[in-house]
C-alpha atoms as a PDB file:
ATOM      1  CA  MET A   1      53.563  15.955-178.805  1.00  0.00           C
ATOM      2  CA  THR A   2      55.764  15.176-175.775  1.00  0.00           C
ATOM      3  CA  LYS A   3      55.276  17.657-172.963  1.00  0.00           C
ATOM      4  CA  GLU A   4      58.265  19.526-171.599  1.00  0.00           C
ATOM      5  CA  ARG A   5      59.104  18.317-168.123  1.00  0.00           C
ATOM      6  CA  VAL A   6      59.647  20.272-164.926  1.00  0.00           C
ATOM      7  CA  LEU A   7      61.055  18.849-161.688  1.00  0.00           C
ATOM      8  CA  ILE A   8      59.872  20.350-158.398  1.00  0.00           C
ATOM      9  CA  THR A   9      61.398  19.327-155.084  1.00  0.00           C
ATOM     10  CA  GLY A  10      59.092  19.600-152.103  1.00  0.00           C
ATOM     11  CA  GLY A  11      56.159  19.860-154.465  1.00  0.00           C
ATOM     12  CA  ALA A  12      53.565  18.085-152.340  1.00  0.00           C
ATOM     13  CA  ALA A  13      52.459  21.068-150.266  1.00  0.00           C
ATOM     14  CA  GLY A  14      52.658  24.816-149.857  1.00  0.00           C
ATOM     15  CA  ILE A  15      54.585  26.828-152.417  1.00  0.00           C
ATOM     16  CA  GLY A  16      55.779  23.677-154.167  1.00  0.00           C
ATOM     17  CA  ALA A  17      52.246  22.392-154.663  1.00  0.00           C
ATOM     18  CA  ALA A  18      51.117  25.769-156.009  1.00  0.00           C
ATOM     19  CA  CYS A  19      54.048  25.749-158.450  1.00  0.00           C
ATOM     20  CA  ALA A  20      53.115  22.227-159.537  1.00  0.00           C
ATOM     21  CA  GLU A  21      49.507  23.262-160.168  1.00  0.00           C
ATOM     22  CA  ARG A  22      50.583  26.305-162.160  1.00  0.00           C
ATOM     23  CA  CYS A  23      53.057  24.265-164.217  1.00  0.00           C
ATOM     24  CA  ARG A  24      50.371  21.749-165.123  1.00  0.00           C
ATOM     25  CA  ASP A  25      48.095  24.607-166.137  1.00  0.00           C
ATOM     26  CA  ASP A  26      50.911  25.908-168.343  1.00  0.00           C
ATOM     27  CA  GLY A  27      51.170  22.560-170.113  1.00  0.00           C
ATOM     28  CA  TYR A  28      54.250  21.021-168.503  1.00  0.00           C
ATOM     29  CA  GLU A  29      54.617  17.466-167.296  1.00  0.00           C
ATOM     30  CA  VAL A  30      55.343  17.846-163.585  1.00  0.00           C
ATOM     31  CA  VAL A  31      57.681  15.528-161.686  1.00  0.00           C
ATOM     32  CA  ILE A  32      57.634  15.939-157.906  1.00  0.00           C
ATOM     33  CA  ILE A  33      60.122  14.603-155.385  1.00  0.00           C
ATOM     34  CA  ASP A  34      59.002  14.889-151.755  1.00  0.00           C
ATOM     35  CA  ARG A  35      58.763  12.836-148.598  1.00  0.00           C
ATOM     36  CA  ILE A  36      54.952  12.804-148.885  1.00  0.00           C
ATOM     37  CA  GLY A  37      52.318  12.928-151.611  1.00  0.00           C
ATOM     38  CA  ASP A  38      51.738  11.216-154.934  1.00  0.00           C
ATOM     39  CA  GLY A  39      55.073  11.945-156.583  1.00  0.00           C
ATOM     40  CA  LEU A  40      58.424  10.253-156.137  1.00  0.00           C
ATOM     41  CA  ILE A  41      58.900   9.627-152.422  1.00  0.00           C
ATOM     42  CA  ALA A  42      62.355  10.348-151.021  1.00  0.00           C
ATOM     43  CA  ASP A  43      64.094  11.813-148.007  1.00  0.00           C
ATOM     44  CA  LEU A  44      65.896  14.690-149.701  1.00  0.00           C
ATOM     45  CA  THR A  45      68.077  15.248-146.635  1.00  0.00           C
ATOM     46  CA  ASP A  46      69.842  12.017-147.685  1.00  0.00           C
ATOM     47  CA  PRO A  47      72.143  12.372-150.736  1.00  0.00           C
ATOM     48  CA  VAL A  48      71.814   8.678-151.603  1.00  0.00           C
ATOM     49  CA  ALA A  49      68.008   8.736-151.475  1.00  0.00           C
ATOM     50  CA  THR A  50      68.079  11.953-153.503  1.00  0.00           C
ATOM     51  CA  ALA A  51      70.259  10.329-156.158  1.00  0.00           C
ATOM     52  CA  HIS A  52      67.919   7.347-156.458  1.00  0.00           C
ATOM     53  CA  ALA A  53      64.883   9.615-156.823  1.00  0.00           C
ATOM     54  CA  LEU A  54      66.638  11.697-159.474  1.00  0.00           C
ATOM     55  CA  ASP A  55      67.537   8.571-161.427  1.00  0.00           C
ATOM     56  CA  GLU A  56      63.868   7.572-161.357  1.00  0.00           C
ATOM     57  CA  ALA A  57      62.768  11.064-162.373  1.00  0.00           C
ATOM     58  CA  LEU A  58      65.062  11.013-165.392  1.00  0.00           C
ATOM     59  CA  ARG A  59      64.090   7.503-166.460  1.00  0.00           C
ATOM     60  CA  ASN A  60      61.378   8.856-168.767  1.00  0.00           C
ATOM     61  CA  GLY A  61      63.599  11.418-170.439  1.00  0.00           C
ATOM     62  CA  PRO A  62      65.414  14.692-169.832  1.00  0.00           C
ATOM     63  CA  ILE A  63      64.103  17.484-167.646  1.00  0.00           C
ATOM     64  CA  THR A  64      64.734  21.022-168.856  1.00  0.00           C
ATOM     65  CA  ARG A  65      63.069  22.979-166.042  1.00  0.00           C
ATOM     66  CA  LEU A  66      63.864  22.732-162.341  1.00  0.00           C
ATOM     67  CA  ILE A  67      62.373  24.370-159.265  1.00  0.00           C
ATOM     68  CA  ASN A  68      64.566  23.777-156.205  1.00  0.00           C
ATOM     69  CA  ASN A  69      61.825  24.419-153.679  1.00  0.00           C
ATOM     70  CA  VAL A  70      62.338  21.998-150.788  1.00  0.00           C
ATOM     71  CA  GLY A  71      63.608  23.550-147.577  1.00  0.00           C
ATOM     72  CA  VAL A  72      63.643  23.584-143.808  1.00  0.00           C
ATOM     73  CA  VAL A  73      63.636  26.553-141.395  1.00  0.00           C
ATOM     74  CA  CYS A  74      64.929  25.391-137.962  1.00  0.00           C
ATOM     75  CA  PRO A  75      64.104  28.634-136.083  1.00  0.00           C
ATOM     76  CA  ALA A  76      66.349  29.373-133.103  1.00  0.00           C
ATOM     77  CA  SER A  77      68.251  32.236-131.544  1.00  0.00           C
ATOM     78  CA  ALA A  78      71.906  32.655-132.491  1.00  0.00           C
ATOM     79  CA  ASN A  79      73.122  31.246-129.185  1.00  0.00           C
ATOM     80  CA  GLU A  80      70.761  28.260-129.353  1.00  0.00           C
ATOM     81  CA  GLN A  81      71.048  27.231-133.020  1.00  0.00           C
ATOM     82  CA  THR A  82      72.590  23.760-133.019  1.00  0.00           C
ATOM     83  CA  PHE A  83      75.192  22.428-135.414  1.00  0.00           C
ATOM     84  CA  ALA A  84      72.823  19.570-136.216  1.00  0.00           C
ATOM     85  CA  GLU A  85      70.179  22.080-137.331  1.00  0.00           C
ATOM     86  CA  LEU A  86      72.746  23.952-139.400  1.00  0.00           C
ATOM     87  CA  GLU A  87      73.851  20.729-141.091  1.00  0.00           C
ATOM     88  CA  LEU A  88      70.222  19.764-141.770  1.00  0.00           C
ATOM     89  CA  ALA A  89      69.461  23.161-143.299  1.00  0.00           C
ATOM     90  CA  TRP A  90      72.617  23.030-145.416  1.00  0.00           C
ATOM     91  CA  SER A  91      71.832  19.552-146.717  1.00  0.00           C
ATOM     92  CA  LEU A  92      68.223  20.247-147.648  1.00  0.00           C
ATOM     93  CA  ASN A  93      68.411  23.900-148.675  1.00  0.00           C
ATOM     94  CA  VAL A  94      71.754  23.921-150.508  1.00  0.00           C
ATOM     95  CA  ARG A  95      73.243  20.497-151.185  1.00  0.00           C
ATOM     96  CA  CYS A  96      69.953  19.129-152.533  1.00  0.00           C
ATOM     97  CA  ALA A  97      69.647  22.068-154.941  1.00  0.00           C
ATOM     98  CA  MET A  98      73.114  21.487-156.339  1.00  0.00           C
ATOM     99  CA  GLN A  99      72.553  17.743-156.597  1.00  0.00           C
ATOM    100  CA  CYS A 100      69.315  18.244-158.529  1.00  0.00           C
ATOM    101  CA  MET A 101      70.911  20.808-160.832  1.00  0.00           C
ATOM    102  CA  GLN A 102      73.809  18.482-161.632  1.00  0.00           C
ATOM    103  CA  ALA A 103      71.421  15.608-162.351  1.00  0.00           C
ATOM    104  CA  VAL A 104      69.290  17.492-164.881  1.00  0.00           C
ATOM    105  CA  LEU A 105      72.109  19.557-166.374  1.00  0.00           C
ATOM    106  CA  PRO A 106      73.232  17.045-169.047  1.00  0.00           C
ATOM    107  CA  GLY A 107      69.725  17.016-170.536  1.00  0.00           C
ATOM    108  CA  MET A 108      69.554  20.800-170.483  1.00  0.00           C
ATOM    109  CA  MET A 109      72.929  21.135-172.158  1.00  0.00           C
ATOM    110  CA  ALA A 110      71.990  18.603-174.825  1.00  0.00           C
ATOM    111  CA  ALA A 111      68.813  20.573-175.526  1.00  0.00           C
ATOM    112  CA  GLY A 112      70.604  23.915-175.491  1.00  0.00           C
ATOM    113  CA  PHE A 113      67.894  25.139-173.138  1.00  0.00           C
ATOM    114  CA  GLY A 114      67.136  25.130-169.442  1.00  0.00           C
ATOM    115  CA  ARG A 115      65.399  27.038-166.691  1.00  0.00           C
ATOM    116  CA  ILE A 116      66.470  26.780-163.041  1.00  0.00           C
ATOM    117  CA  VAL A 117      64.493  28.500-160.285  1.00  0.00           C
ATOM    118  CA  ASN A 118      65.904  28.359-156.763  1.00  0.00           C
ATOM    119  CA  MET A 119      63.528  29.133-153.924  1.00  0.00           C
ATOM    120  CA  SER A 120      65.482  31.401-151.593  1.00  0.00           C
ATOM    121  CA  SER A 121      63.857  33.682-149.023  1.00  0.00           C
ATOM    122  CA  ARG A 122      63.549  37.267-147.892  1.00  0.00           C
ATOM    123  CA  ALA A 123      65.278  35.984-144.750  1.00  0.00           C
ATOM    124  CA  ALA A 124      68.527  35.831-146.721  1.00  0.00           C
ATOM    125  CA  LEU A 125      68.695  39.599-146.115  1.00  0.00           C
ATOM    126  CA  GLY A 126      68.574  38.988-142.376  1.00  0.00           C
ATOM    127  CA  LYS A 127      65.896  37.968-139.921  1.00  0.00           C
ATOM    128  CA  GLU A 128      65.926  37.227-136.207  1.00  0.00           C
ATOM    129  CA  LEU A 129      65.916  33.561-135.121  1.00  0.00           C
ATOM    130  CA  ARG A 130      67.033  32.404-138.576  1.00  0.00           C
ATOM    131  CA  SER A 131      70.810  31.813-138.443  1.00  0.00           C
ATOM    132  CA  ALA A 132      70.754  28.457-140.246  1.00  0.00           C
ATOM    133  CA  TYR A 133      67.901  29.345-142.575  1.00  0.00           C
ATOM    134  CA  ALA A 134      69.184  32.782-143.588  1.00  0.00           C
ATOM    135  CA  ALA A 135      72.705  31.476-144.134  1.00  0.00           C
ATOM    136  CA  THR A 136      71.606  28.653-146.394  1.00  0.00           C
ATOM    137  CA  LYS A 137      69.119  30.760-148.341  1.00  0.00           C
ATOM    138  CA  ALA A 138      71.839  33.362-148.907  1.00  0.00           C
ATOM    139  CA  ALA A 139      74.115  30.560-150.099  1.00  0.00           C
ATOM    140  CA  LEU A 140      71.430  29.550-152.565  1.00  0.00           C
ATOM    141  CA  ILE A 141      71.466  33.064-154.018  1.00  0.00           C
ATOM    142  CA  GLY A 142      75.235  32.894-154.381  1.00  0.00           C
ATOM    143  CA  MET A 143      74.997  29.585-156.231  1.00  0.00           C
ATOM    144  CA  THR A 144      72.275  30.994-158.463  1.00  0.00           C
ATOM    145  CA  ARG A 145      74.590  33.768-159.602  1.00  0.00           C
ATOM    146  CA  VAL A 146      77.450  31.378-160.300  1.00  0.00           C
ATOM    147  CA  TRP A 147      75.192  29.060-162.293  1.00  0.00           C
ATOM    148  CA  ALA A 148      73.899  32.010-164.306  1.00  0.00           C
ATOM    149  CA  LEU A 149      77.457  32.943-165.277  1.00  0.00           C
ATOM    150  CA  GLU A 150      78.540  29.406-166.100  1.00  0.00           C
ATOM    151  CA  LEU A 151      75.431  28.105-167.847  1.00  0.00           C
ATOM    152  CA  GLY A 152      74.162  31.080-169.818  1.00  0.00           C
ATOM    153  CA  ARG A 153      76.247  30.174-172.863  1.00  0.00           C
ATOM    154  CA  HIS A 154      74.304  26.893-173.026  1.00  0.00           C
ATOM    155  CA  GLY A 155      70.882  28.575-173.144  1.00  0.00           C
ATOM    156  CA  ILE A 156      70.280  27.860-169.455  1.00  0.00           C
ATOM    157  CA  THR A 157      69.102  30.530-167.035  1.00  0.00           C
ATOM    158  CA  ALA A 158      69.268  30.409-163.249  1.00  0.00           C
ATOM    159  CA  ASN A 159      67.260  32.729-161.041  1.00  0.00           C
ATOM    160  CA  ALA A 160      66.100  32.838-157.438  1.00  0.00           C
ATOM    161  CA  ILE A 161      62.836  33.822-155.811  1.00  0.00           C
ATOM    162  CA  GLY A 162      62.762  35.379-152.351  1.00  0.00           C
ATOM    163  CA  PRO A 163      59.299  34.753-150.895  1.00  0.00           C
ATOM    164  CA  GLY A 164      57.937  36.133-147.709  1.00  0.00           C
ATOM    165  CA  PRO A 165      55.782  36.327-145.801  1.00  0.00           C
ATOM    166  CA  ILE A 166      53.716  33.602-147.493  1.00  0.00           C
ATOM    167  CA  ARG A 167      50.840  31.868-145.705  1.00  0.00           C
ATOM    168  CA  THR A 168      51.877  28.221-145.648  1.00  0.00           C
ATOM    169  CA  ASP A 169      52.046  25.501-142.996  1.00  0.00           C
ATOM    170  CA  LEU A 170      55.829  25.994-142.957  1.00  0.00           C
ATOM    171  CA  PHE A 171      55.370  29.715-142.224  1.00  0.00           C
ATOM    172  CA  ASP A 172      52.851  29.015-139.467  1.00  0.00           C
ATOM    173  CA  ARG A 173      55.152  26.485-137.791  1.00  0.00           C
ATOM    174  CA  ALA A 174      58.048  28.938-137.789  1.00  0.00           C
ATOM    175  CA  ASN A 175      55.862  31.963-136.989  1.00  0.00           C
ATOM    176  CA  PRO A 176      53.099  31.049-134.519  1.00  0.00           C
ATOM    177  CA  PRO A 177      49.925  32.991-135.428  1.00  0.00           C
ATOM    178  CA  GLU A 178      49.440  34.134-131.820  1.00  0.00           C
ATOM    179  CA  SER A 179      52.959  35.557-131.551  1.00  0.00           C
ATOM    180  CA  PRO A 180      53.347  39.371-131.425  1.00  0.00           C
ATOM    181  CA  ARG A 181      56.430  38.920-133.612  1.00  0.00           C
ATOM    182  CA  THR A 182      54.275  37.278-136.300  1.00  0.00           C
ATOM    183  CA  GLN A 183      51.688  40.056-136.121  1.00  0.00           C
ATOM    184  CA  ALA A 184      54.467  42.606-136.499  1.00  0.00           C
ATOM    185  CA  ILE A 185      55.565  40.900-139.712  1.00  0.00           C
ATOM    186  CA  ILE A 186      52.060  41.106-141.155  1.00  0.00           C
ATOM    187  CA  ASP A 187      51.607  44.739-140.045  1.00  0.00           C
ATOM    188  CA  ASN A 188      54.791  45.713-141.877  1.00  0.00           C
ATOM    189  CA  VAL A 189      53.764  44.350-145.300  1.00  0.00           C
ATOM    190  CA  PRO A 190      53.274  47.406-147.557  1.00  0.00           C
ATOM    191  CA  VAL A 191      50.464  45.770-149.559  1.00  0.00           C
ATOM    192  CA  LYS A 192      48.713  44.992-146.256  1.00  0.00           C
ATOM    193  CA  ARG A 193      48.175  41.294-146.752  1.00  0.00           C
ATOM    194  CA  MET A 194      50.014  37.990-146.478  1.00  0.00           C
ATOM    195  CA  GLY A 195      51.232  36.434-149.674  1.00  0.00           C
ATOM    196  CA  THR A 196      49.843  33.166-151.005  1.00  0.00           C
ATOM    197  CA  PRO A 197      51.677  30.222-152.559  1.00  0.00           C
ATOM    198  CA  TYR A 198      50.069  31.190-155.865  1.00  0.00           C
ATOM    199  CA  ASP A 199      51.767  34.588-155.759  1.00  0.00           C
ATOM    200  CA  VAL A 200      55.086  32.742-155.738  1.00  0.00           C
ATOM    201  CA  ALA A 201      53.965  30.215-158.347  1.00  0.00           C
ATOM    202  CA  HIS A 202      53.123  33.049-160.736  1.00  0.00           C
ATOM    203  CA  ALA A 203      56.647  34.446-160.361  1.00  0.00           C
ATOM    204  CA  ALA A 204      58.156  31.005-160.912  1.00  0.00           C
ATOM    205  CA  ALA A 205      56.063  30.533-164.053  1.00  0.00           C
ATOM    206  CA  TYR A 206      57.546  33.707-165.534  1.00  0.00           C
ATOM    207  CA  LEU A 207      61.110  32.574-164.848  1.00  0.00           C
ATOM    208  CA  LEU A 208      60.405  29.100-166.287  1.00  0.00           C
ATOM    209  CA  ASP A 209      59.017  30.500-169.521  1.00  0.00           C
ATOM    210  CA  GLN A 210      60.970  30.034-172.723  1.00  0.00           C
ATOM    211  CA  ARG A 211      60.557  33.764-173.393  1.00  0.00           C
ATOM    212  CA  SER A 212      62.471  34.696-170.217  1.00  0.00           C
ATOM    213  CA  GLY A 213      65.877  33.842-171.650  1.00  0.00           C
ATOM    214  CA  PHE A 214      67.366  37.309-171.063  1.00  0.00           C
ATOM    215  CA  VAL A 215      66.720  37.186-167.311  1.00  0.00           C
ATOM    216  CA  THR A 216      69.342  35.267-165.356  1.00  0.00           C
ATOM    217  CA  GLY A 217      71.258  35.529-162.100  1.00  0.00           C
ATOM    218  CA  GLN A 218      68.497  37.607-160.514  1.00  0.00           C
ATOM    219  CA  VAL A 219      66.561  37.469-157.249  1.00  0.00           C
ATOM    220  CA  LEU A 220      62.844  38.220-157.540  1.00  0.00           C
ATOM    221  CA  TYR A 221      61.422  39.091-154.125  1.00  0.00           C
ATOM    222  CA  VAL A 222      57.758  38.131-153.817  1.00  0.00           C
ATOM    223  CA  CYS A 223      57.227  39.809-150.488  1.00  0.00           C
ATOM    224  CA  GLY A 224      54.530  42.465-150.770  1.00  0.00           C
ATOM    225  CA  GLY A 225      57.205  45.173-150.762  1.00  0.00           C
ATOM    226  CA  MET A 226      58.885  44.231-147.474  1.00  0.00           C
ATOM    227  CA  THR A 227      62.371  44.238-149.007  1.00  0.00           C
ATOM    228  CA  VAL A 228      62.083  47.828-150.261  1.00  0.00           C
ATOM    229  CA  GLY A 229      64.876  49.771-148.560  1.00  0.00           C
ATOM    230  CA  VAL A 230      66.559  46.511-147.484  1.00  0.00           C
ATOM    231  CA  ALA A 231      67.567  44.683-150.656  1.00  0.00           C
ATOM    232  CA  GLY A 232      70.367  46.164-152.748  1.00  0.00           C
ATOM    233  CA  VAL A 233      69.429  48.081-155.881  1.00  0.00           C
END
């Protein structure tokens, strides 16, 4: 029997790698596009390179599950955030997600089934030093909702996950462990621990499941309770 295929961008490390491991455990064939690792190698900040990698990914057949995971943070204060950083964050965090969705969509529509999971962030609700990151992750939530409305009639769901704080190399680079600001983040987690990439992977696995077809257009915050009192009901 041919395995169902899932595409994960940025799947070579961190949350993406944990999602890839979980998907393999769940019986999917995993296709990874990243700038490192053993999958398809591509610079996803480049639309042309992204298109070539997507063509290669689809060469062996349609893909009916997609995790748009790749992203960049670019931490900076509001007065120091550069336009170049904003453009980089937009290209990788938003444009790449739309490009991947459009590439796999014909196969999903032909199958009458699809699952799209967009990796947003708790920072979309607001966080200091995150102008570019928060803006693009909020944009990803907006796109998720539009896709849910447009694609639901085709058996395709679109949902977002809002992780944070999750112990990854990306988190450590943006939040130096010795910083009082980082310690304040950890102290304010209601469950009194940092999240792990596998916490996020478990949430993604639920949204990818065939049995989750009545859940679409939602944001699932995997944040140890930090969004309670912040996120809208």
